[in-house]
Amino acid sequence: MRSPYGLRQRKPEWNEMEYQFHNWYHFSWLSGDDLLQSLVHSLDKAAWALHDEPPVRAWGMGGRSQCFGPEYGDQFDHRAVVYEYAGGVRVYGFSRAQNGCHNDVSDHILGTKGRCDLIRHRIEGETNWRYEGPGCNYGDAEQAELFASIRSGKPINNGLYMARSTMLGILGRMVEYTGQAITWDQAINSKETLAPERYAWDAEPPVKPNEDGTYPAPIPGVTKFV
């Protein structure tokens, strides 16, 4: 839950493609939607806790209630997605990018014997535990591990779980945009593409502004899953 990412005002010398590239945070074909920019990090942690196995299906909701101007592109400003896993486990993801609202970034795992606060490194319940060791810069730590693995001849390959985490975000965007319950297999086999016909400064972007300068956004229950 936070404010919108940086907004770029249109300059007279920019054509439509240039403007959208400069304001890429707010166009789904460039950023993947705010879910894939922000909430996906929490989904990635949830996937890790569930051994990176994909869910069976997802459903949810989303829309706009504040961010309507042309500078906000074609994305939603709030969303809630439920991922259902085999065995009955569920992951609940909530995200909002609006000004003047309560902000919160947190990740919680709830179990039968207690709860874990991932951000605060704490477990409470049948067993109470809190990490009290040294801190680190996670960016430095992951780079150190990567280089060490290469030098040892056993390079780390995170390709599968990174792809699955990204797909969790894509599935979430699909259900919030369409308003439908969509299975993992349906999403994997979807024919949807957000890409333009070609990439060039003089190319036509896949999303065009309306007469008033705003951009058409998906409508749950109307926008179709393909």
Foldseek 3Di string as FASTA:
>chain_A
DEAQPDFDDDDPVADPLRNCVVLVQQECQRQVAVCLVPQLVLLLVVCVVVVVDAFFWKAWAFAADDPWDLRNAAHTFWIWMWTHHPPGDIDITTGGHHPPDDDDDWHKDDDPAFIATVVQQWTDGVDTDHDDDDDDDVVVVVVVVQVVCVVVVRGDDPPSSVVSSSLVSNSRVLNHLARDMGTSVCSVPFPDHLAFPDDDSPGDHSWDADPVSHTHYGDHNPDDTD
